[in-house]
Amino acid sequence: MTAEEILKKLNLQRPILNQICDIIGHHPREKETPYFQILYEADWLVNLEEGGLAKDQEKLKEIVEKEFKTVTGKKLA
């Protein structure tokens, strides 16, 4: 079953369904839309914590400057 088939069962509006499918389809290759950027940064937040990178302040600062574009993502990192 594809993501689109699953999402159709939720009776989402077509533009929202398309946006979600676009995010899933591009993950993690590109940062094209604000929605994708949010997903991309959320993945980074999890990886920073699980990978122990959050403890290395210099490396963390480098990653945040390079990868994070949203104000909220930067704050959470």
N, C-alpha and C. Protein backbone atom coordinates (compact mmCIF):
# COMPACT_ATOMS: atom_id res chain seq x y z
N MET A 1 0.85 -1.17 0.00
CA MET A 1 0.00 0.00 0.00
C MET A 1 0.90 1.24 0.00
N THR A 2 0.57 2.20 -0.85
CA THR A 2 1.37 3.43 -0.94
C THR A 2 0.91 4.44 0.10
N ALA A 3 1.76 5.44 0.33
CA ALA A 3 1.41 6.51 1.26
C ALA A 3 0.14 7.22 0.79
N GLU A 4 0.02 7.42 -0.50
CA GLU A 4 -1.16 8.11 -1.03
C GLU A 4 -2.43 7.31 -0.72
N GLU A 5 -2.37 6.01 -0.89
CA GLU A 5 -3.54 5.16 -0.61
C GLU A 5 -3.92 5.23 0.87
N ILE A 6 -2.92 5.23 1.73
CA ILE A 6 -3.18 5.33 3.17
C ILE A 6 -3.79 6.68 3.50
N LEU A 7 -3.21 7.75 2.95
CA LEU A 7 -3.68 9.10 3.25
C LEU A 7 -5.08 9.36 2.70
N LYS A 8 -5.42 8.75 1.58
CA LYS A 8 -6.77 8.92 1.02
C LYS A 8 -7.84 8.46 2.01
N LYS A 9 -7.51 7.47 2.81
CA LYS A 9 -8.47 6.95 3.79
C LYS A 9 -8.76 7.99 4.88
N LEU A 10 -7.89 8.98 5.02
CA LEU A 10 -8.10 10.02 6.02
C LEU A 10 -8.98 11.15 5.50
N ASN A 11 -9.40 11.06 4.24
CA ASN A 11 -10.24 12.08 3.62
C ASN A 11 -9.62 13.47 3.68
N LEU A 12 -8.31 13.54 3.43
CA LEU A 12 -7.63 14.83 3.41
C LEU A 12 -7.98 15.58 2.13
N GLN A 13 -7.90 16.89 2.19
CA GLN A 13 -8.08 17.68 0.98
C GLN A 13 -6.92 17.37 0.03
N ARG A 14 -7.20 17.35 -1.25
CA ARG A 14 -6.21 16.96 -2.26
C ARG A 14 -4.91 17.78 -2.15
N PRO A 15 -4.95 19.10 -1.97
CA PRO A 15 -3.68 19.85 -1.87
C PRO A 15 -2.82 19.40 -0.68
N ILE A 16 -3.46 19.08 0.43
CA ILE A 16 -2.71 18.63 1.61
C ILE A 16 -2.14 17.24 1.34
N LEU A 17 -2.94 16.37 0.77
CA LEU A 17 -2.48 15.03 0.43
C LEU A 17 -1.29 15.10 -0.52
N ASN A 18 -1.37 15.97 -1.53
CA ASN A 18 -0.27 16.12 -2.48
C ASN A 18 0.99 16.62 -1.80
N GLN A 19 0.84 17.58 -0.89
CA GLN A 19 1.99 18.13 -0.19
C GLN A 19 2.68 17.06 0.66
N ILE A 20 1.89 16.26 1.37
CA ILE A 20 2.45 15.19 2.19
C ILE A 20 3.17 14.16 1.31
N CYS A 21 2.55 13.78 0.22
CA CYS A 21 3.19 12.83 -0.69
C CYS A 21 4.48 13.40 -1.28
N ASP A 22 4.50 14.68 -1.55
CA ASP A 22 5.71 15.34 -2.06
C ASP A 22 6.82 15.28 -1.02
N ILE A 23 6.49 15.56 0.22
CA ILE A 23 7.48 15.51 1.29
C ILE A 23 8.03 14.09 1.43
N ILE A 24 7.16 13.11 1.45
CA ILE A 24 7.58 11.72 1.59
C ILE A 24 8.44 11.32 0.39
N GLY A 25 8.03 11.73 -0.78
CA GLY A 25 8.75 11.36 -2.00
C GLY A 25 10.14 11.95 -2.11
N HIS A 26 10.36 13.10 -1.50
CA HIS A 26 11.67 13.75 -1.58
C HIS A 26 12.57 13.48 -0.40
N HIS A 27 12.00 12.97 0.63
CA HIS A 27 12.76 12.77 1.87
C HIS A 27 13.84 11.73 1.68
N PRO A 28 15.06 11.89 2.07
CA PRO A 28 15.71 13.07 2.62
C PRO A 28 16.62 13.77 1.62
N ARG A 29 16.29 13.78 0.35
CA ARG A 29 17.19 14.29 -0.67
C ARG A 29 17.20 15.80 -0.82
N GLU A 30 16.06 16.43 -0.76
CA GLU A 30 15.98 17.85 -1.10
C GLU A 30 15.20 18.64 -0.09
N LYS A 31 15.48 19.92 -0.05
CA LYS A 31 14.71 20.84 0.81
C LYS A 31 14.02 21.83 -0.12
N GLU A 32 12.83 21.48 -0.58
CA GLU A 32 12.16 22.31 -1.57
C GLU A 32 11.09 23.22 -0.99
N THR A 33 10.33 22.74 -0.06
CA THR A 33 9.20 23.50 0.46
C THR A 33 9.40 23.76 1.95
N PRO A 34 8.68 24.73 2.49
CA PRO A 34 8.77 24.96 3.94
C PRO A 34 8.38 23.71 4.73
N TYR A 35 7.40 22.97 4.24
CA TYR A 35 6.98 21.76 4.94
C TYR A 35 8.10 20.71 4.95
N PHE A 36 8.77 20.60 3.82
CA PHE A 36 9.88 19.66 3.77
C PHE A 36 11.01 20.10 4.70
N GLN A 37 11.28 21.40 4.75
CA GLN A 37 12.33 21.91 5.63
C GLN A 37 12.02 21.57 7.09
N ILE A 38 10.76 21.66 7.47
CA ILE A 38 10.36 21.31 8.83
C ILE A 38 10.63 19.84 9.10
N LEU A 39 10.27 18.97 8.18
CA LEU A 39 10.53 17.54 8.33
C LEU A 39 12.03 17.26 8.38
N TYR A 40 12.77 17.92 7.52
CA TYR A 40 14.22 17.75 7.46
C TYR A 40 14.87 18.13 8.79
N GLU A 41 14.45 19.27 9.34
CA GLU A 41 15.00 19.72 10.62
C GLU A 41 14.56 18.81 11.76
N ALA A 42 13.35 18.30 11.72
CA ALA A 42 12.89 17.37 12.75
C ALA A 42 13.76 16.12 12.75
N ASP A 43 14.10 15.62 11.59
CA ASP A 43 15.00 14.47 11.50
C ASP A 43 16.35 14.80 12.11
N TRP A 44 16.87 15.99 11.81
CA TRP A 44 18.15 16.41 12.37
C TRP A 44 18.08 16.48 13.89
N LEU A 45 16.99 17.01 14.42
CA LEU A 45 16.86 17.12 15.88
C LEU A 45 16.94 15.75 16.54
N VAL A 46 16.27 14.77 15.97
CA VAL A 46 16.33 13.42 16.51
C VAL A 46 17.74 12.86 16.38
N ASN A 47 18.35 13.04 15.22
CA ASN A 47 19.69 12.50 14.99
C ASN A 47 20.73 13.17 15.88
N LEU A 48 20.58 14.45 16.15
CA LEU A 48 21.52 15.15 17.02
C LEU A 48 21.50 14.55 18.42
N GLU A 49 20.31 14.27 18.88
CA GLU A 49 20.17 13.72 20.23
C GLU A 49 20.64 12.27 20.29
N GLU A 50 20.15 11.46 19.36
CA GLU A 50 20.48 10.03 19.38
C GLU A 50 21.95 9.77 19.07
N GLY A 51 22.54 10.62 18.23
CA GLY A 51 23.93 10.44 17.84
C GLY A 51 24.93 11.08 18.80
N GLY A 52 24.42 11.74 19.82
CA GLY A 52 25.29 12.37 20.80
C GLY A 52 25.93 13.67 20.32
N LEU A 53 25.52 14.15 19.16
CA LEU A 53 26.11 15.38 18.61
C LEU A 53 25.70 16.61 19.40
N ALA A 54 24.60 16.53 20.11
CA ALA A 54 24.12 17.68 20.88
C ALA A 54 25.10 18.03 21.99
N LYS A 55 25.95 17.10 22.40
CA LYS A 55 26.91 17.33 23.47
C LYS A 55 28.13 18.11 23.00
N ASP A 56 28.42 18.05 21.71
CA ASP A 56 29.58 18.75 21.13
C ASP A 56 29.11 20.11 20.61
N GLN A 57 29.26 21.15 21.42
CA GLN A 57 28.71 22.47 21.10
C GLN A 57 29.28 23.05 19.79
N GLU A 58 30.54 22.82 19.52
CA GLU A 58 31.14 23.35 18.28
C GLU A 58 30.54 22.67 17.05
N LYS A 59 30.44 21.35 17.10
CA LYS A 59 29.86 20.59 15.99
C LYS A 59 28.37 20.93 15.84
N LEU A 60 27.68 21.06 16.96
CA LEU A 60 26.26 21.42 16.93
C LEU A 60 26.05 22.77 16.24
N LYS A 61 26.86 23.75 16.60
CA LYS A 61 26.75 25.08 16.00
C LYS A 61 26.98 25.01 14.50
N GLU A 62 27.95 24.24 14.08
CA GLU A 62 28.27 24.08 12.66
C GLU A 62 27.09 23.46 11.90
N ILE A 63 26.49 22.44 12.48
CA ILE A 63 25.34 21.76 11.84
C ILE A 63 24.14 22.69 11.77
N VAL A 64 23.86 23.40 12.86
CA VAL A 64 22.71 24.31 12.89
C VAL A 64 22.87 25.39 11.82
N GLU A 65 24.05 25.96 11.71
CA GLU A 65 24.28 27.00 10.71
C GLU A 65 24.12 26.48 9.29
N LYS A 66 24.52 25.25 9.06
CA LYS A 66 24.48 24.67 7.72
C LYS A 66 23.10 24.12 7.34
N GLU A 67 22.44 23.45 8.27
CA GLU A 67 21.24 22.67 7.93
C GLU A 67 19.92 23.30 8.34
N PHE A 68 19.91 24.12 9.37
CA PHE A 68 18.66 24.65 9.89
C PHE A 68 18.35 26.01 9.30
N LYS A 69 17.13 26.16 8.82
CA LYS A 69 16.68 27.42 8.20
C LYS A 69 15.55 28.06 8.98
N THR A 70 14.78 27.28 9.74
CA THR A 70 13.64 27.83 10.46
C THR A 70 14.07 28.34 11.84
N VAL A 71 13.40 29.35 12.31
CA VAL A 71 13.68 29.91 13.62
C VAL A 71 13.42 28.86 14.70
N THR A 72 12.32 28.15 14.59
CA THR A 72 11.98 27.14 15.59
C THR A 72 13.00 26.01 15.61
N GLY A 73 13.40 25.55 14.44
CA GLY A 73 14.41 24.49 14.38
C GLY A 73 15.71 24.89 15.03
N LYS A 74 16.14 26.12 14.77
CA LYS A 74 17.38 26.62 15.37
C LYS A 74 17.25 26.69 16.89
N LYS A 75 16.12 27.14 17.37
CA LYS A 75 15.90 27.22 18.83
C LYS A 75 15.92 25.85 19.47
N LEU A 76 15.25 24.88 18.84
CA LEU A 76 15.18 23.54 19.40
C LEU A 76 16.52 22.81 19.37
N ALA A 77 17.33 23.12 18.37
CA ALA A 77 18.65 22.48 18.27
C ALA A 77 19.54 23.01 19.37
